[in-house]
Amino acid sequence: MSRLLKSNYSNAAQLKELMTAPPMTAAKHAEVMRKRIEHRRMVEDAREWKQASAWYNDKR
């Protein structure tokens, strides 16, 4: 469980940099979300494939 928790101090960005950065555009947000969803699906597919291959190897 501890590796799932992220440290609050892992990002070295200064507060001023964060507060003065321009907001993310809708297009950029959509791109980030698409990549995040694509990555999550890839991980889920790999997990399912691993479980299926383990099941298949157990049945052999």
Protein backbone atom coordinates (compact mmCIF):
# COMPACT_ATOMS: atom_id res chain seq x y z
CA MET A 1 0.00 0.00 0.00
CA SER A 2 2.85 2.38 0.75
CA ARG A 3 4.02 2.41 -2.87
CA LEU A 4 0.56 3.59 -3.92
CA LEU A 5 0.84 6.67 -1.74
CA LYS A 6 2.70 9.56 -3.31
CA SER A 7 4.85 11.89 -1.34
CA ASN A 8 3.72 15.50 -1.22
CA TYR A 9 7.35 16.51 -1.71
CA SER A 10 8.11 14.46 -4.82
CA ASN A 11 7.35 17.41 -7.14
CA ALA A 12 9.98 20.14 -7.01
CA ALA A 13 7.76 22.86 -8.53
CA GLN A 14 7.62 26.06 -6.53
CA LEU A 15 4.25 27.45 -5.44
CA LYS A 16 4.81 30.64 -7.46
CA GLU A 17 5.41 28.59 -10.63
CA LEU A 18 2.22 26.66 -10.03
CA MET A 19 0.13 29.74 -9.33
CA THR A 20 1.37 31.75 -12.33
CA ALA A 21 1.14 28.94 -14.91
CA PRO A 22 -1.57 29.48 -17.51
CA PRO A 23 -4.59 27.20 -17.14
CA MET A 24 -4.77 24.06 -19.25
CA THR A 25 -6.84 24.43 -22.40
CA ALA A 26 -9.79 22.13 -23.02
CA ALA A 27 -7.95 20.54 -25.94
CA LYS A 28 -4.87 19.85 -23.84
CA HIS A 29 -7.02 18.44 -21.03
CA ALA A 30 -8.79 16.14 -23.50
CA GLU A 31 -5.43 14.95 -24.85
CA VAL A 32 -4.12 14.24 -21.33
CA MET A 33 -7.29 12.35 -20.43
CA ARG A 34 -7.20 10.30 -23.65
CA LYS A 35 -3.60 9.28 -22.94
CA ARG A 36 -4.44 8.43 -19.33
CA ILE A 37 -7.42 6.29 -20.39
CA GLU A 38 -5.39 4.60 -23.13
CA HIS A 39 -2.63 3.75 -20.66
CA ARG A 40 -5.12 2.43 -18.08
CA ARG A 41 -6.77 0.20 -20.69
CA MET A 42 -3.39 -1.09 -21.83
CA VAL A 43 -2.51 -2.01 -18.23
CA GLU A 44 -5.90 -3.66 -17.71
CA ASP A 45 -5.54 -5.65 -20.93
CA ALA A 46 -2.06 -6.80 -19.92
CA ARG A 47 -3.37 -7.85 -16.50
CA GLU A 48 -6.24 -9.81 -18.08
CA TRP A 49 -3.88 -11.45 -20.58
CA LYS A 50 -1.53 -12.45 -17.78
CA GLN A 51 -4.38 -13.96 -15.76
CA ALA A 52 -5.75 -15.80 -18.81
CA SER A 53 -2.35 -17.21 -19.73
CA ALA A 54 -1.77 -18.33 -16.14
CA TRP A 55 -5.18 -20.03 -16.16
CA TYR A 56 -4.40 -21.69 -19.52
CA ASN A 57 -1.01 -22.92 -18.29
CA ASP A 58 -2.61 -24.35 -15.14
CA LYS A 59 -5.13 -26.28 -17.24
CA ARG A 60 -2.40 -27.86 -19.42
